[in-house]
């Protein structure tokens, strides 16, 4: 049986998988930043949910990136504000 790291390396060895993985990298990076900020503040998902007027399960979906729909900039901004942060969106030339 392969370990997670071995499976990941094998999958990323396929060009099509690597291309899709790279496309999602920025999204995963942003989600990691949200999770790290929440952890630094010592807040639970339920506490963040209460601050932004949603449910704990909605926050969990946002943090995992597994929801059917991408969160709006408004939602991301409210999440950031609940953590004492501000959301910054920039276009960066390739």
N, C-alpha and C. Protein backbone atom coordinates (compact mmCIF):
# COMPACT_ATOMS: atom_id res chain seq x y z
N UNK A 1 0.85 -1.19 0.00
CA UNK A 1 0.00 0.00 0.00
C UNK A 1 0.89 1.24 0.00
N UNK A 2 0.53 2.19 -0.85
CA UNK A 2 1.29 3.44 -0.94
C UNK A 2 0.86 4.41 0.15
N UNK A 3 1.82 5.21 0.60
CA UNK A 3 1.51 6.25 1.57
C UNK A 3 0.88 7.43 0.83
N UNK A 4 0.33 8.36 1.59
CA UNK A 4 -0.26 9.56 0.99
C UNK A 4 0.78 10.31 0.16
N UNK A 5 1.97 10.48 0.69
CA UNK A 5 3.02 11.20 -0.04
C UNK A 5 3.40 10.48 -1.32
N UNK A 6 3.46 9.16 -1.30
CA UNK A 6 3.78 8.40 -2.51
C UNK A 6 2.68 8.54 -3.56
N UNK A 7 1.42 8.46 -3.11
CA UNK A 7 0.30 8.64 -4.03
C UNK A 7 0.29 10.04 -4.64
N UNK A 8 0.57 11.02 -3.80
CA UNK A 8 0.61 12.42 -4.26
C UNK A 8 1.70 12.59 -5.31
N UNK A 9 2.89 12.09 -5.01
CA UNK A 9 4.00 12.20 -5.95
C UNK A 9 3.68 11.49 -7.27
N UNK A 10 3.06 10.33 -7.18
CA UNK A 10 2.70 9.58 -8.38
C UNK A 10 1.68 10.36 -9.21
N UNK A 11 0.66 10.90 -8.54
CA UNK A 11 -0.37 11.66 -9.24
C UNK A 11 0.21 12.91 -9.87
N UNK A 12 1.05 13.63 -9.14
CA UNK A 12 1.62 14.87 -9.66
C UNK A 12 2.63 14.62 -10.78
N UNK A 13 3.03 13.37 -10.93
CA UNK A 13 3.89 13.00 -12.04
C UNK A 13 3.15 13.00 -13.37
N UNK A 14 1.84 12.97 -13.31
CA UNK A 14 1.01 13.04 -14.52
C UNK A 14 0.80 14.51 -14.86
N UNK A 15 1.09 14.87 -16.10
CA UNK A 15 1.02 16.28 -16.51
C UNK A 15 -0.36 16.89 -16.29
N UNK A 16 -1.43 16.16 -16.61
CA UNK A 16 -2.78 16.71 -16.47
C UNK A 16 -3.12 16.99 -15.01
N UNK A 17 -2.70 16.11 -14.12
CA UNK A 17 -2.95 16.29 -12.69
C UNK A 17 -2.14 17.47 -12.17
N UNK A 18 -0.89 17.55 -12.59
CA UNK A 18 -0.02 18.65 -12.14
C UNK A 18 -0.57 20.00 -12.60
N UNK A 19 -1.07 20.06 -13.82
CA UNK A 19 -1.64 21.30 -14.35
C UNK A 19 -2.82 21.75 -13.50
N UNK A 20 -3.74 20.84 -13.19
CA UNK A 20 -4.91 21.19 -12.38
C UNK A 20 -4.50 21.54 -10.96
N UNK A 21 -3.53 20.83 -10.41
CA UNK A 21 -3.03 21.11 -9.06
C UNK A 21 -2.46 22.52 -9.00
N UNK A 22 -1.67 22.88 -10.02
CA UNK A 22 -1.07 24.22 -10.05
C UNK A 22 -2.13 25.30 -10.18
N UNK A 23 -3.20 25.04 -10.93
CA UNK A 23 -4.29 26.01 -11.07
C UNK A 23 -4.95 26.30 -9.72
N UNK A 24 -5.04 25.29 -8.88
CA UNK A 24 -5.71 25.42 -7.59
C UNK A 24 -4.79 25.90 -6.48
N UNK A 25 -3.51 26.04 -6.75
CA UNK A 25 -2.53 26.38 -5.70
C UNK A 25 -2.87 27.69 -5.00
N UNK A 26 -3.24 28.72 -5.74
CA UNK A 26 -3.54 30.01 -5.12
C UNK A 26 -4.74 29.91 -4.19
N UNK A 27 -5.75 29.15 -4.61
CA UNK A 27 -6.93 28.97 -3.76
C UNK A 27 -6.56 28.25 -2.47
N UNK A 28 -5.79 27.19 -2.58
CA UNK A 28 -5.38 26.44 -1.39
C UNK A 28 -4.53 27.31 -0.47
N UNK A 29 -3.69 28.15 -1.05
CA UNK A 29 -2.85 29.04 -0.27
C UNK A 29 -3.71 30.03 0.53
N UNK A 30 -4.74 30.58 -0.11
CA UNK A 30 -5.65 31.51 0.58
C UNK A 30 -6.40 30.80 1.71
N UNK A 31 -6.89 29.60 1.43
CA UNK A 31 -7.61 28.84 2.47
C UNK A 31 -6.70 28.55 3.65
N UNK A 32 -5.44 28.22 3.38
CA UNK A 32 -4.47 27.99 4.46
C UNK A 32 -4.27 29.25 5.29
N UNK A 33 -4.24 30.41 4.63
CA UNK A 33 -4.08 31.67 5.36
C UNK A 33 -5.27 31.94 6.28
N UNK A 34 -6.47 31.65 5.80
CA UNK A 34 -7.65 31.82 6.65
C UNK A 34 -7.57 30.91 7.87
N UNK A 35 -7.23 29.66 7.66
CA UNK A 35 -7.15 28.71 8.76
C UNK A 35 -6.08 29.12 9.76
N UNK A 36 -4.92 29.55 9.26
CA UNK A 36 -3.84 29.98 10.15
C UNK A 36 -4.25 31.22 10.96
N UNK A 37 -4.93 32.16 10.32
CA UNK A 37 -5.37 33.37 11.02
C UNK A 37 -6.39 33.03 12.10
N UNK A 38 -7.31 32.12 11.78
CA UNK A 38 -8.32 31.72 12.78
C UNK A 38 -7.65 31.04 13.97
N UNK A 39 -6.68 30.19 13.68
CA UNK A 39 -5.96 29.48 14.74
C UNK A 39 -5.18 30.47 15.61
N UNK A 40 -4.52 31.45 14.96
CA UNK A 40 -3.77 32.47 15.72
C UNK A 40 -4.68 33.24 16.66
N UNK A 41 -5.90 33.53 16.21
CA UNK A 41 -6.86 34.27 17.04
C UNK A 41 -7.48 33.39 18.12
N UNK A 42 -7.29 32.08 18.01
CA UNK A 42 -7.86 31.17 19.01
C UNK A 42 -9.36 31.00 18.88
N UNK A 43 -9.87 31.17 17.66
CA UNK A 43 -11.31 31.07 17.43
C UNK A 43 -11.69 29.73 16.83
N UNK A 44 -12.86 29.26 17.18
CA UNK A 44 -13.41 28.05 16.57
C UNK A 44 -14.16 28.44 15.30
N UNK A 45 -14.47 27.44 14.49
CA UNK A 45 -15.29 27.70 13.31
C UNK A 45 -16.65 28.27 13.72
N UNK A 46 -17.19 27.75 14.81
CA UNK A 46 -18.50 28.23 15.28
C UNK A 46 -18.44 29.71 15.68
N UNK A 47 -17.36 30.11 16.30
CA UNK A 47 -17.22 31.52 16.71
C UNK A 47 -17.10 32.44 15.49
N UNK A 48 -16.34 32.00 14.49
CA UNK A 48 -16.23 32.80 13.27
C UNK A 48 -17.59 32.87 12.58
N UNK A 49 -18.28 31.74 12.53
CA UNK A 49 -19.60 31.69 11.90
C UNK A 49 -20.55 32.69 12.55
N UNK A 50 -20.53 32.74 13.87
CA UNK A 50 -21.41 33.67 14.59
C UNK A 50 -21.06 35.12 14.24
N UNK A 51 -19.78 35.41 14.14
CA UNK A 51 -19.34 36.77 13.84
C UNK A 51 -19.74 37.22 12.44
N UNK A 52 -19.81 36.28 11.50
CA UNK A 52 -20.12 36.68 10.12
C UNK A 52 -21.55 36.32 9.71
N UNK A 53 -22.31 35.77 10.65
CA UNK A 53 -23.72 35.51 10.40
C UNK A 53 -23.98 34.30 9.52
N UNK A 54 -23.25 33.22 9.76
CA UNK A 54 -23.48 31.99 9.00
C UNK A 54 -23.37 30.81 9.95
N UNK A 55 -23.28 29.62 9.41
CA UNK A 55 -23.21 28.42 10.24
C UNK A 55 -21.78 27.88 10.30
N UNK A 56 -21.54 27.07 11.31
CA UNK A 56 -20.22 26.44 11.45
C UNK A 56 -19.92 25.57 10.24
N UNK A 57 -20.92 24.87 9.73
CA UNK A 57 -20.68 24.00 8.58
C UNK A 57 -20.30 24.81 7.34
N UNK A 58 -20.85 26.02 7.20
CA UNK A 58 -20.48 26.87 6.07
C UNK A 58 -19.02 27.32 6.18
N UNK A 59 -18.59 27.62 7.39
CA UNK A 59 -17.18 27.99 7.62
C UNK A 59 -16.28 26.79 7.32
N UNK A 60 -16.69 25.61 7.75
CA UNK A 60 -15.90 24.40 7.48
C UNK A 60 -15.76 24.17 5.98
N UNK A 61 -16.86 24.36 5.24
CA UNK A 61 -16.79 24.19 3.78
C UNK A 61 -15.87 25.23 3.16
N UNK A 62 -15.95 26.48 3.64
CA UNK A 62 -15.10 27.54 3.13
C UNK A 62 -13.64 27.19 3.36
N UNK A 63 -13.30 26.74 4.56
CA UNK A 63 -11.92 26.44 4.90
C UNK A 63 -11.39 25.21 4.16
N UNK A 64 -12.26 24.30 3.82
CA UNK A 64 -11.80 23.08 3.15
C UNK A 64 -11.74 23.23 1.64
N UNK A 65 -12.47 24.20 1.11
CA UNK A 65 -12.48 24.40 -0.33
C UNK A 65 -13.26 23.34 -1.08
N UNK A 66 -14.12 22.60 -0.36
CA UNK A 66 -14.85 21.51 -1.00
C UNK A 66 -16.29 21.86 -1.33
N UNK A 67 -16.68 23.10 -1.12
CA UNK A 67 -18.05 23.49 -1.43
C UNK A 67 -18.31 23.47 -2.93
N UNK A 68 -19.57 23.37 -3.29
CA UNK A 68 -19.94 23.38 -4.71
C UNK A 68 -19.71 24.73 -5.35
N UNK A 69 -19.82 25.78 -4.55
CA UNK A 69 -19.70 27.14 -5.07
C UNK A 69 -18.55 27.84 -4.38
N UNK A 70 -17.87 28.66 -5.13
CA UNK A 70 -16.81 29.47 -4.54
C UNK A 70 -17.44 30.58 -3.71
N UNK A 71 -16.84 30.89 -2.56
CA UNK A 71 -17.40 31.97 -1.74
C UNK A 71 -17.24 33.31 -2.45
N UNK A 72 -18.16 34.22 -2.20
CA UNK A 72 -18.07 35.55 -2.79
C UNK A 72 -16.96 36.35 -2.11
N UNK A 73 -16.54 37.41 -2.77
CA UNK A 73 -15.55 38.29 -2.16
C UNK A 73 -16.10 38.90 -0.89
N UNK A 74 -17.41 39.16 -0.87
CA UNK A 74 -18.05 39.71 0.32
C UNK A 74 -17.92 38.74 1.50
N UNK A 75 -18.16 37.47 1.25
CA UNK A 75 -18.04 36.46 2.31
C UNK A 75 -16.60 36.36 2.79
N UNK A 76 -15.66 36.32 1.86
CA UNK A 76 -14.25 36.24 2.24
C UNK A 76 -13.82 37.48 3.03
N UNK A 77 -14.35 38.63 2.65
CA UNK A 77 -14.02 39.86 3.35
C UNK A 77 -14.58 39.85 4.77
N UNK A 78 -15.82 39.38 4.93
CA UNK A 78 -16.42 39.28 6.28
C UNK A 78 -15.63 38.29 7.14
N UNK A 79 -15.22 37.18 6.55
CA UNK A 79 -14.41 36.19 7.28
C UNK A 79 -13.12 36.86 7.76
N UNK A 80 -12.44 37.55 6.85
CA UNK A 80 -11.19 38.22 7.21
C UNK A 80 -11.42 39.23 8.34
N UNK A 81 -12.49 40.03 8.23
CA UNK A 81 -12.79 41.03 9.26
C UNK A 81 -13.05 40.37 10.61
N UNK A 82 -13.70 39.21 10.61
CA UNK A 82 -13.98 38.49 11.87
C UNK A 82 -12.69 38.08 12.56
N UNK A 83 -11.60 37.99 11.79
CA UNK A 83 -10.30 37.61 12.34
C UNK A 83 -9.39 38.80 12.58
N UNK A 84 -9.95 40.00 12.40
CA UNK A 84 -9.14 41.20 12.59
C UNK A 84 -8.18 41.44 11.43
N UNK A 85 -8.54 40.96 10.27
CA UNK A 85 -7.71 41.12 9.06
C UNK A 85 -8.52 41.83 8.00
N UNK A 86 -7.87 42.16 6.89
CA UNK A 86 -8.58 42.68 5.73
C UNK A 86 -8.20 41.81 4.55
N UNK A 87 -9.12 41.67 3.65
CA UNK A 87 -8.89 40.88 2.44
C UNK A 87 -8.31 41.78 1.37
N UNK A 88 -7.26 41.31 0.73
CA UNK A 88 -6.64 42.06 -0.36
C UNK A 88 -6.62 41.17 -1.58
N UNK A 89 -7.20 41.65 -2.67
CA UNK A 89 -7.22 40.91 -3.92
C UNK A 89 -6.41 41.70 -4.93
N UNK A 90 -5.45 41.04 -5.57
CA UNK A 90 -4.59 41.72 -6.52
C UNK A 90 -4.46 40.90 -7.79
N UNK A 91 -4.24 41.59 -8.88
CA UNK A 91 -3.88 40.95 -10.14
C UNK A 91 -2.37 41.02 -10.27
N UNK A 92 -1.75 39.89 -10.53
CA UNK A 92 -0.30 39.84 -10.64
C UNK A 92 0.02 39.31 -12.03
N UNK A 93 0.76 40.08 -12.83
CA UNK A 93 1.10 39.62 -14.18
C UNK A 93 1.90 38.30 -14.13
N UNK A 94 1.65 37.46 -15.12
CA UNK A 94 2.40 36.19 -15.22
C UNK A 94 3.81 36.45 -15.65
